[in-house]
N, C-alpha and C. Protein backbone atom coordinates (compact mmCIF):
# COMPACT_ATOMS: atom_id res chain seq x y z
N MET A 1 -13.62 -9.44 16.30
CA MET A 1 -13.71 -8.19 15.58
C MET A 1 -12.57 -8.11 14.56
N ARG A 2 -12.91 -7.72 13.35
CA ARG A 2 -11.95 -7.65 12.26
C ARG A 2 -11.17 -6.34 12.33
N GLU A 3 -9.85 -6.45 12.16
CA GLU A 3 -9.00 -5.27 12.14
C GLU A 3 -9.20 -4.54 10.81
N ILE A 4 -9.53 -3.26 10.88
CA ILE A 4 -9.78 -2.48 9.66
C ILE A 4 -8.50 -2.31 8.86
N ALA A 5 -7.42 -1.95 9.53
CA ALA A 5 -6.17 -1.62 8.84
C ALA A 5 -5.16 -2.75 8.96
N SER A 6 -5.54 -3.94 8.50
CA SER A 6 -4.58 -5.04 8.49
C SER A 6 -3.56 -4.78 7.38
N TYR A 7 -2.45 -5.46 7.45
CA TYR A 7 -1.42 -5.31 6.41
C TYR A 7 -2.00 -5.61 5.04
N GLU A 8 -2.76 -6.68 4.93
CA GLU A 8 -3.33 -7.07 3.65
C GLU A 8 -4.30 -6.01 3.12
N THR A 9 -5.13 -5.47 3.99
CA THR A 9 -6.10 -4.46 3.58
C THR A 9 -5.40 -3.19 3.11
N VAL A 10 -4.38 -2.79 3.85
CA VAL A 10 -3.63 -1.58 3.48
C VAL A 10 -2.92 -1.79 2.14
N CYS A 11 -2.30 -2.93 1.95
CA CYS A 11 -1.60 -3.21 0.69
C CYS A 11 -2.57 -3.23 -0.48
N GLU A 12 -3.69 -3.87 -0.29
CA GLU A 12 -4.69 -3.94 -1.36
C GLU A 12 -5.17 -2.54 -1.74
N ALA A 13 -5.46 -1.72 -0.74
CA ALA A 13 -5.92 -0.36 -1.00
C ALA A 13 -4.84 0.45 -1.70
N ALA A 14 -3.60 0.33 -1.25
CA ALA A 14 -2.50 1.07 -1.87
C ALA A 14 -2.31 0.64 -3.33
N ASN A 15 -2.40 -0.65 -3.59
CA ASN A 15 -2.26 -1.14 -4.96
C ASN A 15 -3.38 -0.63 -5.86
N VAL A 16 -4.59 -0.61 -5.36
CA VAL A 16 -5.72 -0.10 -6.14
C VAL A 16 -5.51 1.38 -6.45
N LEU A 17 -5.06 2.14 -5.47
CA LEU A 17 -4.82 3.56 -5.68
C LEU A 17 -3.76 3.77 -6.77
N VAL A 18 -2.69 2.98 -6.74
CA VAL A 18 -1.65 3.09 -7.76
C VAL A 18 -2.24 2.82 -9.15
N VAL A 19 -3.03 1.78 -9.27
CA VAL A 19 -3.66 1.45 -10.55
C VAL A 19 -4.56 2.59 -11.03
N GLU A 20 -5.23 3.25 -10.09
CA GLU A 20 -6.11 4.36 -10.43
C GLU A 20 -5.34 5.65 -10.70
N GLY A 21 -4.02 5.62 -10.51
CA GLY A 21 -3.21 6.81 -10.75
C GLY A 21 -3.23 7.81 -9.61
N VAL A 22 -3.59 7.34 -8.41
CA VAL A 22 -3.66 8.19 -7.23
C VAL A 22 -2.49 7.85 -6.33
N GLU A 23 -1.84 8.89 -5.78
CA GLU A 23 -0.73 8.68 -4.84
C GLU A 23 -1.27 7.95 -3.60
N PRO A 24 -0.71 6.79 -3.27
CA PRO A 24 -1.20 6.04 -2.12
C PRO A 24 -0.70 6.61 -0.79
N SER A 25 -1.22 7.76 -0.42
CA SER A 25 -0.84 8.38 0.85
C SER A 25 -1.57 7.68 2.00
N ILE A 26 -1.13 7.96 3.20
CA ILE A 26 -1.76 7.38 4.38
C ILE A 26 -3.23 7.77 4.44
N VAL A 27 -3.51 9.04 4.21
CA VAL A 27 -4.89 9.53 4.27
C VAL A 27 -5.74 8.90 3.17
N ALA A 28 -5.19 8.78 1.96
CA ALA A 28 -5.93 8.17 0.85
C ALA A 28 -6.25 6.70 1.16
N VAL A 29 -5.30 6.01 1.75
CA VAL A 29 -5.53 4.60 2.11
C VAL A 29 -6.59 4.51 3.21
N GLN A 30 -6.50 5.39 4.21
CA GLN A 30 -7.51 5.40 5.27
C GLN A 30 -8.91 5.62 4.69
N ARG A 31 -9.03 6.54 3.76
CA ARG A 31 -10.34 6.78 3.12
C ARG A 31 -10.82 5.53 2.38
N ARG A 32 -9.90 4.89 1.66
CA ARG A 32 -10.25 3.72 0.85
C ARG A 32 -10.74 2.57 1.73
N ILE A 33 -10.09 2.35 2.89
CA ILE A 33 -10.46 1.21 3.73
C ILE A 33 -11.50 1.57 4.78
N GLY A 34 -11.80 2.85 4.91
CA GLY A 34 -12.83 3.25 5.85
C GLY A 34 -12.36 3.42 7.28
N GLY A 35 -11.08 3.74 7.46
CA GLY A 35 -10.58 3.99 8.81
C GLY A 35 -9.20 3.43 9.02
N GLY A 36 -8.90 3.16 10.27
CA GLY A 36 -7.58 2.69 10.65
C GLY A 36 -6.79 3.82 11.27
N SER A 37 -6.02 3.49 12.28
CA SER A 37 -5.23 4.54 12.94
C SER A 37 -4.08 4.96 12.03
N TYR A 38 -3.70 6.22 12.17
CA TYR A 38 -2.63 6.78 11.35
C TYR A 38 -1.35 5.97 11.52
N SER A 39 -1.01 5.64 12.77
CA SER A 39 0.24 4.93 13.02
C SER A 39 0.23 3.52 12.45
N THR A 40 -0.90 2.85 12.52
CA THR A 40 -0.99 1.50 11.96
C THR A 40 -0.90 1.53 10.45
N VAL A 41 -1.64 2.42 9.82
CA VAL A 41 -1.60 2.53 8.36
C VAL A 41 -0.19 2.94 7.91
N LYS A 42 0.43 3.86 8.63
CA LYS A 42 1.78 4.31 8.29
C LYS A 42 2.76 3.14 8.34
N LYS A 43 2.68 2.31 9.38
CA LYS A 43 3.56 1.16 9.54
C LYS A 43 3.39 0.19 8.36
N HIS A 44 2.14 -0.10 8.02
CA HIS A 44 1.88 -1.03 6.92
C HIS A 44 2.28 -0.43 5.57
N MET A 45 2.09 0.87 5.41
CA MET A 45 2.48 1.53 4.16
C MET A 45 4.00 1.48 3.99
N ALA A 46 4.74 1.62 5.07
CA ALA A 46 6.20 1.54 5.00
C ALA A 46 6.63 0.14 4.55
N SER A 47 6.01 -0.87 5.09
CA SER A 47 6.32 -2.25 4.68
C SER A 47 5.93 -2.49 3.23
N TRP A 48 4.78 -1.97 2.83
CA TRP A 48 4.32 -2.09 1.45
C TRP A 48 5.31 -1.43 0.50
N ALA A 49 5.79 -0.24 0.82
CA ALA A 49 6.74 0.48 -0.02
C ALA A 49 8.06 -0.27 -0.13
N GLU A 50 8.53 -0.84 0.98
CA GLU A 50 9.76 -1.63 0.96
C GLU A 50 9.61 -2.85 0.06
N GLN A 51 8.47 -3.52 0.15
CA GLN A 51 8.21 -4.69 -0.68
C GLN A 51 8.19 -4.31 -2.16
N ARG A 52 7.54 -3.20 -2.49
CA ARG A 52 7.50 -2.74 -3.89
C ARG A 52 8.89 -2.41 -4.40
N ALA A 53 9.72 -1.81 -3.56
CA ALA A 53 11.08 -1.48 -3.96
C ALA A 53 11.89 -2.75 -4.21
N ARG A 54 11.73 -3.76 -3.35
CA ARG A 54 12.43 -5.03 -3.55
C ARG A 54 11.97 -5.70 -4.85
N GLU A 55 10.68 -5.67 -5.12
CA GLU A 55 10.15 -6.28 -6.34
C GLU A 55 10.65 -5.55 -7.58
N ALA A 56 10.75 -4.24 -7.51
CA ALA A 56 11.21 -3.46 -8.66
C ALA A 56 12.67 -3.78 -8.99
N VAL A 57 13.47 -4.04 -7.97
CA VAL A 57 14.88 -4.38 -8.17
C VAL A 57 15.02 -5.79 -8.70
N SER A 58 14.16 -6.70 -8.30
CA SER A 58 14.31 -8.10 -8.68
C SER A 58 13.72 -8.44 -10.04
N VAL A 59 12.97 -7.51 -10.64
CA VAL A 59 12.37 -7.77 -11.96
C VAL A 59 13.40 -7.43 -13.03
N PRO A 60 13.75 -8.40 -13.88
CA PRO A 60 14.74 -8.11 -14.93
C PRO A 60 14.17 -7.15 -15.98
N ALA A 61 15.05 -6.36 -16.56
CA ALA A 61 14.64 -5.41 -17.59
C ALA A 61 14.23 -6.17 -18.84
N ILE A 62 13.22 -5.69 -19.51
CA ILE A 62 12.75 -6.29 -20.75
C ILE A 62 13.53 -5.68 -21.91
N PRO A 63 14.19 -6.51 -22.70
CA PRO A 63 14.97 -5.97 -23.81
C PRO A 63 14.07 -5.26 -24.82
N ALA A 64 14.62 -4.27 -25.48
CA ALA A 64 13.85 -3.49 -26.47
C ALA A 64 13.60 -4.28 -27.73
């Protein structure tokens, strides 16, 4: 049986929501993936947010 709220599925849904201009909340991600427990989605969303923060810091600024 496939896990609905895997880390990869949650990250993909959150990224799509960002591209669409929608706040990637836990509930919005659950709707996008069609389920998943609140605690599981919350855990994966926290990891996703940490990864995005690390990537934002590691990307050099583009000169004007």
